[in-house]
Amino acid sequence: MGALARLVAVAAVIATIAGGLFDAVHGGTTLASAIAYAFWFAAAFCLLLMAVAGTKLAWRRLDLPEGWVFVAASVVLTGAGAAIDVLGS
């Protein structure tokens, strides 16, 4: 499995769990909306990781994918979050 697929899969699982936990603890929103928000936060986090992955220090010490992988994952997660929000409404 490629780096993009792994990143999206891990982020999607974490976002689904985080959205479910937020809905269980906080309430006041639908489960689909909570999961969609978590997907959007995961997308934003991928963009932050892109900035970290682009530094020379990270490239020398860590085995990180290229920056476009984080951007593509962010786009996929944003689209998935929008789809979840629309379908869950």
C-alpha atoms as a PDB file:
ATOM      1  CA  MET A   1       0.000   0.000   0.000  1.00  0.00           C
ATOM      2  CA  GLY A   2       1.354   3.427  -0.900  1.00  0.00           C
ATOM      3  CA  ALA A   3       2.163   6.240   1.477  1.00  0.00           C
ATOM      4  CA  LEU A   4      -0.931   8.192   0.463  1.00  0.00           C
ATOM      5  CA  ALA A   5      -3.288   5.288   1.101  1.00  0.00           C
ATOM      6  CA  ARG A   6      -1.675   4.538   4.467  1.00  0.00           C
ATOM      7  CA  LEU A   7      -1.855   8.173   5.565  1.00  0.00           C
ATOM      8  CA  VAL A   8      -5.504   8.520   4.537  1.00  0.00           C
ATOM      9  CA  ALA A   9      -6.467   5.197   6.136  1.00  0.00           C
ATOM     10  CA  VAL A  10      -4.788   6.000   9.456  1.00  0.00           C
ATOM     11  CA  ALA A  11      -6.222   9.522   9.520  1.00  0.00           C
ATOM     12  CA  ALA A  12      -9.703   8.248   8.649  1.00  0.00           C
ATOM     13  CA  VAL A  13      -9.682   5.664  11.433  1.00  0.00           C
ATOM     14  CA  ILE A  14      -8.455   8.199  13.986  1.00  0.00           C
ATOM     15  CA  ALA A  15     -10.979  10.798  12.790  1.00  0.00           C
ATOM     16  CA  THR A  16     -13.847   8.314  13.003  1.00  0.00           C
ATOM     17  CA  ILE A  17     -12.903   7.313  16.541  1.00  0.00           C
ATOM     18  CA  ALA A  18     -12.369  10.937  17.606  1.00  0.00           C
ATOM     19  CA  GLY A  19     -15.698  12.011  16.101  1.00  0.00           C
ATOM     20  CA  GLY A  20     -17.491   9.170  17.849  1.00  0.00           C
ATOM     21  CA  LEU A  21     -15.867  10.031  21.157  1.00  0.00           C
ATOM     22  CA  PHE A  22     -16.726  13.710  20.748  1.00  0.00           C
ATOM     23  CA  ASP A  23     -20.348  12.845  20.049  1.00  0.00           C
ATOM     24  CA  ALA A  24     -20.489  10.505  23.056  1.00  0.00           C
ATOM     25  CA  VAL A  25     -18.869  12.961  25.461  1.00  0.00           C
ATOM     26  CA  HIS A  26     -20.172  16.308  24.252  1.00  0.00           C
ATOM     27  CA  GLY A  27     -23.371  15.558  22.356  1.00  0.00           C
ATOM     28  CA  GLY A  28     -25.358  18.432  20.929  1.00  0.00           C
ATOM     29  CA  THR A  29     -24.536  17.418  17.354  1.00  0.00           C
ATOM     30  CA  THR A  30     -25.201  14.475  15.105  1.00  0.00           C
ATOM     31  CA  LEU A  31     -22.691  11.651  14.905  1.00  0.00           C
ATOM     32  CA  ALA A  32     -22.151  12.315  11.200  1.00  0.00           C
ATOM     33  CA  SER A  33     -21.359  15.981  11.817  1.00  0.00           C
ATOM     34  CA  ALA A  34     -18.947  15.121  14.623  1.00  0.00           C
ATOM     35  CA  ILE A  35     -17.127  12.631  12.399  1.00  0.00           C
ATOM     36  CA  ALA A  36     -17.077  15.116   9.502  1.00  0.00           C
ATOM     37  CA  TYR A  37     -15.508  17.778  11.735  1.00  0.00           C
ATOM     38  CA  ALA A  38     -12.897  15.255  12.853  1.00  0.00           C
ATOM     39  CA  PHE A  39     -12.090  14.493   9.204  1.00  0.00           C
ATOM     40  CA  TRP A  40     -11.619  18.223   8.570  1.00  0.00           C
ATOM     41  CA  PHE A  41      -9.326  18.551  11.586  1.00  0.00           C
ATOM     42  CA  ALA A  42      -7.343  15.561  10.296  1.00  0.00           C
ATOM     43  CA  ALA A  43      -7.058  17.291   6.908  1.00  0.00           C
ATOM     44  CA  ALA A  44      -5.724  20.435   8.569  1.00  0.00           C
ATOM     45  CA  PHE A  45      -3.271  18.333  10.573  1.00  0.00           C
ATOM     46  CA  CYS A  46      -2.006  16.748   7.344  1.00  0.00           C
ATOM     47  CA  LEU A  47      -1.252  20.222   6.012  1.00  0.00           C
ATOM     48  CA  LEU A  48       0.698  21.003   9.195  1.00  0.00           C
ATOM     49  CA  LEU A  49       2.621  17.751   8.781  1.00  0.00           C
ATOM     50  CA  MET A  50       3.496  18.810   5.243  1.00  0.00           C
ATOM     51  CA  ALA A  51       5.309  21.844   6.623  1.00  0.00           C
ATOM     52  CA  VAL A  52       7.232  19.652   9.068  1.00  0.00           C
ATOM     53  CA  ALA A  53       8.071  17.090   6.378  1.00  0.00           C
ATOM     54  CA  GLY A  54       9.514  19.845   4.208  1.00  0.00           C
ATOM     55  CA  THR A  55      12.203  20.862   6.657  1.00  0.00           C
ATOM     56  CA  LYS A  56      15.778  19.687   6.145  1.00  0.00           C
ATOM     57  CA  LEU A  57      15.964  18.332   9.677  1.00  0.00           C
ATOM     58  CA  ALA A  58      12.960  16.078   9.109  1.00  0.00           C
ATOM     59  CA  TRP A  59      14.315  14.853   5.776  1.00  0.00           C
ATOM     60  CA  ARG A  60      17.660  13.953   7.320  1.00  0.00           C
ATOM     61  CA  ARG A  61      16.360  12.174  10.399  1.00  0.00           C
ATOM     62  CA  LEU A  62      12.952  10.749   9.497  1.00  0.00           C
ATOM     63  CA  ASP A  63      11.617   8.639   6.671  1.00  0.00           C
ATOM     64  CA  LEU A  64       8.672  10.830   5.688  1.00  0.00           C
ATOM     65  CA  PRO A  65       6.794  10.931   2.395  1.00  0.00           C
ATOM     66  CA  GLU A  66       7.047  13.922   0.103  1.00  0.00           C
ATOM     67  CA  GLY A  67       4.930  17.006   0.709  1.00  0.00           C
ATOM     68  CA  TRP A  68       2.454  16.286  -2.088  1.00  0.00           C
ATOM     69  CA  VAL A  69       1.339  13.156  -0.219  1.00  0.00           C
ATOM     70  CA  PHE A  70       0.180  15.274   2.713  1.00  0.00           C
ATOM     71  CA  VAL A  71      -1.623  17.718   0.410  1.00  0.00           C
ATOM     72  CA  ALA A  72      -3.362  14.897  -1.452  1.00  0.00           C
ATOM     73  CA  ALA A  73      -4.363  13.261   1.841  1.00  0.00           C
ATOM     74  CA  SER A  74      -5.751  16.583   3.010  1.00  0.00           C
ATOM     75  CA  VAL A  75      -7.855  16.899  -0.144  1.00  0.00           C
ATOM     76  CA  VAL A  76      -9.168  13.336   0.201  1.00  0.00           C
ATOM     77  CA  LEU A  77     -10.005  13.805   3.890  1.00  0.00           C
ATOM     78  CA  THR A  78     -11.748  17.119   3.200  1.00  0.00           C
ATOM     79  CA  GLY A  79     -13.868  15.518   0.484  1.00  0.00           C
ATOM     80  CA  ALA A  80     -14.672  12.534   2.671  1.00  0.00           C
ATOM     81  CA  GLY A  81     -15.675  14.832   5.526  1.00  0.00           C
ATOM     82  CA  ALA A  82     -17.966  16.799   3.228  1.00  0.00           C
ATOM     83  CA  ALA A  83     -19.542  13.584   1.923  1.00  0.00           C
ATOM     84  CA  ILE A  84     -20.092  12.282   5.455  1.00  0.00           C
ATOM     85  CA  ASP A  85     -21.659  15.580   6.498  1.00  0.00           C
ATOM     86  CA  VAL A  86     -23.999  15.689   3.501  1.00  0.00           C
ATOM     87  CA  LEU A  87     -25.014  12.031   3.693  1.00  0.00           C
ATOM     88  CA  GLY A  88     -25.504  12.173   7.469  1.00  0.00           C
ATOM     89  CA  SER A  89     -27.795  15.204   7.370  1.00  0.00           C
END
